[in-house]
Amino acid sequence: MPLNWTELEVHAKEELDHALQIAKHVDSLGGMPAVTPQPVKTSEKAEQMLKFDLENEKETIRNYRRRVKQADELNEFAIA
């Protein structure tokens, strides 16, 4: 299956926009955004790549849930 570059570009832009939004929230609270990415796993097999991506997404959701709880505790409901 050929790579859909248009879809990849759209997804990459969405990810960048989201990262910038979070960085702005952190900055508005007086913090410094951390920019240490997790290692990226790759594979020649599409199914394995999807599994890697799914695990990353699950970890991201766990992290967001923790951050939402922290924001709620600080009464930062707009950020939560």
PDB file of N, CA and C in Angstrom:
ATOM      1  N   MET A   1       0.853  -1.178   0.000  1.00  0.00           N
ATOM      2  CA  MET A   1       0.000   0.000   0.000  1.00  0.00           C
ATOM      3  C   MET A   1       0.899   1.241   0.000  1.00  0.00           C
ATOM      4  N   PRO A   2       0.687   2.166  -0.930  1.00  0.00           N
ATOM      5  CA  PRO A   2       1.519   3.374  -0.971  1.00  0.00           C
ATOM      6  C   PRO A   2       1.212   4.299   0.207  1.00  0.00           C
ATOM      7  N   LEU A   3       2.204   5.025   0.612  1.00  0.00           N
ATOM      8  CA  LEU A   3       2.071   5.973   1.708  1.00  0.00           C
ATOM      9  C   LEU A   3       1.237   7.168   1.263  1.00  0.00           C
ATOM     10  N   ASN A   4       0.260   7.548   2.062  1.00  0.00           N
ATOM     11  CA  ASN A   4      -0.586   8.697   1.757  1.00  0.00           C
ATOM     12  C   ASN A   4       0.050   9.928   2.400  1.00  0.00           C
ATOM     13  N   TRP A   5       0.827  10.664   1.620  1.00  0.00           N
ATOM     14  CA  TRP A   5       1.574  11.810   2.138  1.00  0.00           C
ATOM     15  C   TRP A   5       0.653  12.916   2.624  1.00  0.00           C
ATOM     16  N   THR A   6      -0.467  13.131   1.934  1.00  0.00           N
ATOM     17  CA  THR A   6      -1.395  14.190   2.346  1.00  0.00           C
ATOM     18  C   THR A   6      -1.935  13.906   3.741  1.00  0.00           C
ATOM     19  N   GLU A   7      -2.328  12.664   3.973  1.00  0.00           N
ATOM     20  CA  GLU A   7      -2.856  12.289   5.287  1.00  0.00           C
ATOM     21  C   GLU A   7      -1.770  12.415   6.351  1.00  0.00           C
ATOM     22  N   LEU A   8      -0.562  12.013   6.017  1.00  0.00           N
ATOM     23  CA  LEU A   8       0.552  12.116   6.957  1.00  0.00           C
ATOM     24  C   LEU A   8       0.839  13.569   7.304  1.00  0.00           C
ATOM     25  N   GLU A   9       0.812  14.452   6.321  1.00  0.00           N
ATOM     26  CA  GLU A   9       1.054  15.879   6.556  1.00  0.00           C
ATOM     27  C   GLU A   9      -0.029  16.483   7.443  1.00  0.00           C
ATOM     28  N   VAL A  10      -1.285  16.111   7.200  1.00  0.00           N
ATOM     29  CA  VAL A  10      -2.391  16.621   8.023  1.00  0.00           C
ATOM     30  C   VAL A  10      -2.213  16.172   9.472  1.00  0.00           C
ATOM     31  N   HIS A  11      -1.895  14.894   9.654  1.00  0.00           N
ATOM     32  CA  HIS A  11      -1.731  14.360  11.009  1.00  0.00           C
ATOM     33  C   HIS A  11      -0.547  15.021  11.717  1.00  0.00           C
ATOM     34  N   ALA A  12       0.554  15.213  11.009  1.00  0.00           N
ATOM     35  CA  ALA A  12       1.735  15.849  11.607  1.00  0.00           C
ATOM     36  C   ALA A  12       1.417  17.276  12.040  1.00  0.00           C
ATOM     37  N   LYS A  13       0.670  18.015  11.222  1.00  0.00           N
ATOM     38  CA  LYS A  13       0.292  19.384  11.578  1.00  0.00           C
ATOM     39  C   LYS A  13      -0.603  19.393  12.815  1.00  0.00           C
ATOM     40  N   GLU A  14      -1.547  18.466  12.881  1.00  0.00           N
ATOM     41  CA  GLU A  14      -2.415  18.369  14.059  1.00  0.00           C
ATOM     42  C   GLU A  14      -1.595  18.111  15.315  1.00  0.00           C
ATOM     43  N   GLU A  15      -0.633  17.204  15.227  1.00  0.00           N
ATOM     44  CA  GLU A  15       0.219  16.890  16.375  1.00  0.00           C
ATOM     45  C   GLU A  15       1.037  18.107  16.803  1.00  0.00           C
ATOM     46  N   LEU A  16       1.610  18.828  15.841  1.00  0.00           N
ATOM     47  CA  LEU A  16       2.390  20.017  16.154  1.00  0.00           C
ATOM     48  C   LEU A  16       1.515  21.091  16.792  1.00  0.00           C
ATOM     49  N   ASP A  17       0.338  21.338  16.229  1.00  0.00           N
ATOM     50  CA  ASP A  17      -0.577  22.335  16.791  1.00  0.00           C
ATOM     51  C   ASP A  17      -0.944  21.985  18.231  1.00  0.00           C
ATOM     52  N   HIS A  18      -1.175  20.699  18.475  1.00  0.00           N
ATOM     53  CA  HIS A  18      -1.532  20.263  19.824  1.00  0.00           C
ATOM     54  C   HIS A  18      -0.370  20.469  20.790  1.00  0.00           C
ATOM     55  N   ALA A  19       0.835  20.135  20.357  1.00  0.00           N
ATOM     56  CA  ALA A  19       2.017  20.318  21.211  1.00  0.00           C
ATOM     57  C   ALA A  19       2.221  21.794  21.540  1.00  0.00           C
ATOM     58  N   LEU A  20       2.023  22.662  20.564  1.00  0.00           N
ATOM     59  CA  LEU A  20       2.168  24.098  20.809  1.00  0.00           C
ATOM     60  C   LEU A  20       1.115  24.602  21.786  1.00  0.00           C
ATOM     61  N   GLN A  21      -0.100  24.120  21.658  1.00  0.00           N
ATOM     62  CA  GLN A  21      -1.166  24.526  22.577  1.00  0.00           C
ATOM     63  C   GLN A  21      -0.815  24.133  24.016  1.00  0.00           C
ATOM     64  N   ILE A  22      -0.332  22.926  24.197  1.00  0.00           N
ATOM     65  CA  ILE A  22       0.043  22.465  25.535  1.00  0.00           C
ATOM     66  C   ILE A  22       1.216  23.276  26.068  1.00  0.00           C
ATOM     67  N   ALA A  23       2.201  23.539  25.220  1.00  0.00           N
ATOM     68  CA  ALA A  23       3.356  24.336  25.644  1.00  0.00           C
ATOM     69  C   ALA A  23       2.924  25.726  26.098  1.00  0.00           C
ATOM     70  N   LYS A  24       1.959  26.319  25.411  1.00  0.00           N
ATOM     71  CA  LYS A  24       1.453  27.640  25.802  1.00  0.00           C
ATOM     72  C   LYS A  24       0.762  27.588  27.156  1.00  0.00           C
ATOM     73  N   HIS A  25       0.015  26.502  27.411  1.00  0.00           N
ATOM     74  CA  HIS A  25      -0.627  26.354  28.722  1.00  0.00           C
ATOM     75  C   HIS A  25       0.428  26.240  29.822  1.00  0.00           C
ATOM     76  N   VAL A  26       1.439  25.430  29.580  1.00  0.00           N
ATOM     77  CA  VAL A  26       2.500  25.262  30.571  1.00  0.00           C
ATOM     78  C   VAL A  26       3.181  26.608  30.833  1.00  0.00           C
ATOM     79  N   ASP A  27       3.477  27.337  29.768  1.00  0.00           N
ATOM     80  CA  ASP A  27       4.121  28.640  29.893  1.00  0.00           C
ATOM     81  C   ASP A  27       3.242  29.623  30.661  1.00  0.00           C
ATOM     82  N   SER A  28       1.931  29.594  30.393  1.00  0.00           N
ATOM     83  CA  SER A  28       1.021  30.521  31.074  1.00  0.00           C
ATOM     84  C   SER A  28       0.966  30.258  32.582  1.00  0.00           C
ATOM     85  N   LEU A  29       1.297  29.033  32.978  1.00  0.00           N
ATOM     86  CA  LEU A  29       1.331  28.686  34.398  1.00  0.00           C
ATOM     87  C   LEU A  29       2.713  28.914  35.011  1.00  0.00           C
ATOM     88  N   GLY A  30       3.634  29.463  34.214  1.00  0.00           N
ATOM     89  CA  GLY A  30       4.959  29.776  34.725  1.00  0.00           C
ATOM     90  C   GLY A  30       5.948  28.627  34.639  1.00  0.00           C
ATOM     91  N   GLY A  31       5.583  27.578  33.931  1.00  0.00           N
ATOM     92  CA  GLY A  31       6.475  26.431  33.817  1.00  0.00           C
ATOM     93  C   GLY A  31       7.303  26.482  32.545  1.00  0.00           C
ATOM     94  N   MET A  32       8.098  25.473  32.378  1.00  0.00           N
ATOM     95  CA  MET A  32       8.925  25.329  31.179  1.00  0.00           C
ATOM     96  C   MET A  32       8.559  23.996  30.535  1.00  0.00           C
ATOM     97  N   PRO A  33       8.058  24.026  29.302  1.00  0.00           N
ATOM     98  CA  PRO A  33       7.691  22.762  28.651  1.00  0.00           C
ATOM     99  C   PRO A  33       8.906  21.849  28.495  1.00  0.00           C
ATOM    100  N   ALA A  34       8.717  20.586  28.810  1.00  0.00           N
ATOM    101  CA  ALA A  34       9.760  19.587  28.580  1.00  0.00           C
ATOM    102  C   ALA A  34       9.627  19.086  27.147  1.00  0.00           C
ATOM    103  N   VAL A  35      10.727  18.934  26.498  1.00  0.00           N
ATOM    104  CA  VAL A  35      10.681  18.520  25.098  1.00  0.00           C
ATOM    105  C   VAL A  35      11.563  17.300  24.848  1.00  0.00           C
ATOM    106  N   THR A  36      11.449  16.325  25.709  1.00  0.00           N
ATOM    107  CA  THR A  36      12.210  15.100  25.541  1.00  0.00           C
ATOM    108  C   THR A  36      11.266  14.031  24.998  1.00  0.00           C
ATOM    109  N   PRO A  37      11.327  13.764  23.694  1.00  0.00           N
ATOM    110  CA  PRO A  37      10.410  12.780  23.121  1.00  0.00           C
ATOM    111  C   PRO A  37      10.802  11.358  23.503  1.00  0.00           C
ATOM    112  N   GLN A  38       9.814  10.499  23.497  1.00  0.00           N
ATOM    113  CA  GLN A  38      10.061   9.082  23.716  1.00  0.00           C
ATOM    114  C   GLN A  38      10.711   8.502  22.464  1.00  0.00           C
ATOM    115  N   PRO A  39      11.479   7.433  22.615  1.00  0.00           N
ATOM    116  CA  PRO A  39      12.058   6.793  21.433  1.00  0.00           C
ATOM    117  C   PRO A  39      10.947   6.288  20.509  1.00  0.00           C
ATOM    118  N   VAL A  40      11.189   6.334  19.223  1.00  0.00           N
ATOM    119  CA  VAL A  40      10.208   5.886  18.235  1.00  0.00           C
ATOM    120  C   VAL A  40      10.586   4.482  17.781  1.00  0.00           C
ATOM    121  N   LYS A  41       9.647   3.554  17.963  1.00  0.00           N
ATOM    122  CA  LYS A  41       9.868   2.185  17.498  1.00  0.00           C
ATOM    123  C   LYS A  41       9.416   2.094  16.045  1.00  0.00           C
ATOM    124  N   THR A  42      10.173   1.389  15.248  1.00  0.00           N
ATOM    125  CA  THR A  42       9.805   1.190  13.850  1.00  0.00           C
ATOM    126  C   THR A  42       9.859  -0.298  13.513  1.00  0.00           C
ATOM    127  N   SER A  43       9.222  -0.627  12.408  1.00  0.00           N
ATOM    128  CA  SER A  43       9.206  -2.000  11.938  1.00  0.00           C
ATOM    129  C   SER A  43       8.945  -1.991  10.442  1.00  0.00           C
ATOM    130  N   GLU A  44       9.362  -3.031   9.784  1.00  0.00           N
ATOM    131  CA  GLU A  44       9.064  -3.194   8.360  1.00  0.00           C
ATOM    132  C   GLU A  44       7.625  -3.684   8.173  1.00  0.00           C
ATOM    133  N   LYS A  45       7.008  -4.177   9.243  1.00  0.00           N
ATOM    134  CA  LYS A  45       5.661  -4.746   9.159  1.00  0.00           C
ATOM    135  C   LYS A  45       4.632  -3.715   9.613  1.00  0.00           C
ATOM    136  N   ALA A  46       3.649  -3.467   8.765  1.00  0.00           N
ATOM    137  CA  ALA A  46       2.613  -2.470   9.056  1.00  0.00           C
ATOM    138  C   ALA A  46       1.855  -2.808  10.342  1.00  0.00           C
ATOM    139  N   GLU A  47       1.527  -4.075  10.538  1.00  0.00           N
ATOM    140  CA  GLU A  47       0.780  -4.465  11.733  1.00  0.00           C
ATOM    141  C   GLU A  47       1.571  -4.155  13.006  1.00  0.00           C
ATOM    142  N   GLN A  48       2.867  -4.407  12.966  1.00  0.00           N
ATOM    143  CA  GLN A  48       3.707  -4.112  14.132  1.00  0.00           C
ATOM    144  C   GLN A  48       3.775  -2.612  14.381  1.00  0.00           C
ATOM    145  N   MET A  49       3.883  -1.818  13.322  1.00  0.00           N
ATOM    146  CA  MET A  49       3.903  -0.356  13.461  1.00  0.00           C
ATOM    147  C   MET A  49       2.609   0.138  14.102  1.00  0.00           C
ATOM    148  N   LEU A  50       1.484  -0.427  13.676  1.00  0.00           N
ATOM    149  CA  LEU A  50       0.199  -0.034  14.266  1.00  0.00           C
ATOM    150  C   LEU A  50       0.144  -0.401  15.744  1.00  0.00           C
ATOM    151  N   LYS A  51       0.706  -1.548  16.104  1.00  0.00           N
ATOM    152  CA  LYS A  51       0.743  -1.935  17.517  1.00  0.00           C
ATOM    153  C   LYS A  51       1.600  -0.953  18.324  1.00  0.00           C
ATOM    154  N   PHE A  52       2.748  -0.570  17.761  1.00  0.00           N
ATOM    155  CA  PHE A  52       3.596   0.415  18.443  1.00  0.00           C
ATOM    156  C   PHE A  52       2.833   1.720  18.639  1.00  0.00           C
ATOM    157  N   ASP A  53       2.146   2.155  17.593  1.00  0.00           N
ATOM    158  CA  ASP A  53       1.390   3.412  17.658  1.00  0.00           C
ATOM    159  C   ASP A  53       0.273   3.317  18.689  1.00  0.00           C
ATOM    160  N   LEU A  54      -0.411   2.188  18.720  1.00  0.00           N
ATOM    161  CA  LEU A  54      -1.491   2.005  19.699  1.00  0.00           C
ATOM    162  C   LEU A  54      -0.961   2.089  21.121  1.00  0.00           C
ATOM    163  N   GLU A  55       0.164   1.462  21.399  1.00  0.00           N
ATOM    164  CA  GLU A  55       0.756   1.541  22.738  1.00  0.00           C
ATOM    165  C   GLU A  55       1.133   2.976  23.089  1.00  0.00           C
ATOM    166  N   ASN A  56       1.678   3.707  22.137  1.00  0.00           N
ATOM    167  CA  ASN A  56       2.002   5.122  22.384  1.00  0.00           C
ATOM    168  C   ASN A  56       0.753   5.926  22.691  1.00  0.00           C
ATOM    169  N   GLU A  57      -0.305   5.681  21.948  1.00  0.00           N
ATOM    170  CA  GLU A  57      -1.557   6.402  22.180  1.00  0.00           C
ATOM    171  C   GLU A  57      -2.135   6.074  23.551  1.00  0.00           C
ATOM    172  N   LYS A  58      -2.069   4.822  23.960  1.00  0.00           N
ATOM    173  CA  LYS A  58      -2.557   4.431  25.282  1.00  0.00           C
ATOM    174  C   LYS A  58      -1.774   5.147  26.384  1.00  0.00           C
ATOM    175  N   GLU A  59      -0.464   5.218  26.220  1.00  0.00           N
ATOM    176  CA  GLU A  59       0.375   5.925  27.201  1.00  0.00           C
ATOM    177  C   GLU A  59       0.023   7.412  27.235  1.00  0.00           C
ATOM    178  N   THR A  60      -0.204   7.992  26.082  1.00  0.00           N
ATOM    179  CA  THR A  60      -0.585   9.407  25.999  1.00  0.00           C
ATOM    180  C   THR A  60      -1.894   9.645  26.739  1.00  0.00           C
ATOM    181  N   ILE A  61      -2.854   8.767  26.559  1.00  0.00           N
ATOM    182  CA  ILE A  61      -4.147   8.906  27.241  1.00  0.00           C
ATOM    183  C   ILE A  61      -3.961   8.819  28.751  1.00  0.00           C
ATOM    184  N   ARG A  62      -3.130   7.888  29.214  1.00  0.00           N
ATOM    185  CA  ARG A  62      -2.861   7.784  30.662  1.00  0.00           C
ATOM    186  C   ARG A  62      -2.247   9.085  31.182  1.00  0.00           C
ATOM    187  N   ASN A  63      -1.299   9.630  30.421  1.00  0.00           N
ATOM    188  CA  ASN A  63      -0.659  10.884  30.839  1.00  0.00           C
ATOM    189  C   ASN A  63      -1.666  12.030  30.881  1.00  0.00           C
ATOM    190  N   TYR A  64      -2.526  12.132  29.856  1.00  0.00           N
ATOM    191  CA  TYR A  64      -3.530  13.197  29.837  1.00  0.00           C
ATOM    192  C   TYR A  64      -4.491  13.070  31.011  1.00  0.00           C
ATOM    193  N   ARG A  65      -4.887  11.879  31.340  1.00  0.00           N
ATOM    194  CA  ARG A  65      -5.804  11.688  32.481  1.00  0.00           C
ATOM    195  C   ARG A  65      -5.171  12.193  33.775  1.00  0.00           C
ATOM    196  N   ARG A  66      -3.872  11.917  33.949  1.00  0.00           N
ATOM    197  CA  ARG A  66      -3.172  12.431  35.135  1.00  0.00           C
ATOM    198  C   ARG A  66      -3.133  13.956  35.118  1.00  0.00           C
ATOM    199  N   ARG A  67      -2.857  14.527  33.950  1.00  0.00           N
ATOM    200  CA  ARG A  67      -2.775  15.988  33.843  1.00  0.00           C
ATOM    201  C   ARG A  67      -4.126  16.647  34.051  1.00  0.00           C
ATOM    202  N   VAL A  68      -5.196  16.050  33.558  1.00  0.00           N
ATOM    203  CA  VAL A  68      -6.540  16.598  33.774  1.00  0.00           C
ATOM    204  C   VAL A  68      -6.859  16.604  35.262  1.00  0.00           C
ATOM    205  N   LYS A  69      -6.520  15.526  35.956  1.00  0.00           N
ATOM    206  CA  LYS A  69      -6.745  15.463  37.399  1.00  0.00           C
ATOM    207  C   LYS A  69      -5.949  16.566  38.116  1.00  0.00           C
ATOM    208  N   GLN A  70      -4.691  16.755  37.715  1.00  0.00           N
ATOM    209  CA  GLN A  70      -3.876  17.804  38.320  1.00  0.00           C
ATOM    210  C   GLN A  70      -4.459  19.190  38.045  1.00  0.00           C
ATOM    211  N   ALA A  71      -4.910  19.423  36.823  1.00  0.00           N
ATOM    212  CA  ALA A  71      -5.496  20.721  36.476  1.00  0.00           C
ATOM    213  C   ALA A  71      -6.769  20.958  37.275  1.00  0.00           C
ATOM    214  N   ASP A  72      -7.595  19.927  37.426  1.00  0.00           N
ATOM    215  CA  ASP A  72      -8.808  20.070  38.236  1.00  0.00           C
ATOM    216  C   ASP A  72      -8.477  20.427  39.678  1.00  0.00           C
ATOM    217  N   GLU A  73      -7.447  19.778  40.227  1.00  0.00           N
ATOM    218  CA  GLU A  73      -7.046  20.051  41.603  1.00  0.00           C
ATOM    219  C   GLU A  73      -6.569  21.503  41.773  1.00  0.00           C
ATOM    220  N   LEU A  74      -6.055  22.103  40.695  1.00  0.00           N
ATOM    221  CA  LEU A  74      -5.602  23.493  40.731  1.00  0.00           C
ATOM    222  C   LEU A  74      -6.694  24.470  40.298  1.00  0.00           C
ATOM    223  N   ASN A  75      -7.909  23.953  40.086  1.00  0.00           N
ATOM    224  CA  ASN A  75      -9.031  24.741  39.576  1.00  0.00           C
ATOM    225  C   ASN A  75      -8.721  25.378  38.234  1.00  0.00           C
ATOM    226  N   GLU A  76      -7.906  24.719  37.444  1.00  0.00           N
ATOM    227  CA  GLU A  76      -7.596  25.165  36.079  1.00  0.00           C
ATOM    228  C   GLU A  76      -8.486  24.397  35.108  1.00  0.00           C
ATOM    229  N   PHE A  77      -9.787  24.693  35.178  1.00  0.00           N
ATOM    230  CA  PHE A  77     -10.775  23.919  34.433  1.00  0.00           C
ATOM    231  C   PHE A  77     -10.658  24.150  32.923  1.00  0.00           C
ATOM    232  N   ALA A  78     -10.242  25.309  32.511  1.00  0.00           N
ATOM    233  CA  ALA A  78     -10.084  25.566  31.077  1.00  0.00           C
ATOM    234  C   ALA A  78      -8.983  24.685  30.493  1.00  0.00           C
ATOM    235  N   ILE A  79      -7.927  24.493  31.248  1.00  0.00           N
ATOM    236  CA  ILE A  79      -6.835  23.641  30.780  1.00  0.00           C
ATOM    237  C   ILE A  79      -7.261  22.169  30.824  1.00  0.00           C
ATOM    238  N   ALA A  80      -7.958  21.801  31.898  1.00  0.00           N
ATOM    239  CA  ALA A  80      -8.411  20.418  32.015  1.00  0.00           C
ATOM    240  C   ALA A  80      -9.307  20.057  30.862  1.00  0.00           C
TER     241      ALA A  80
END
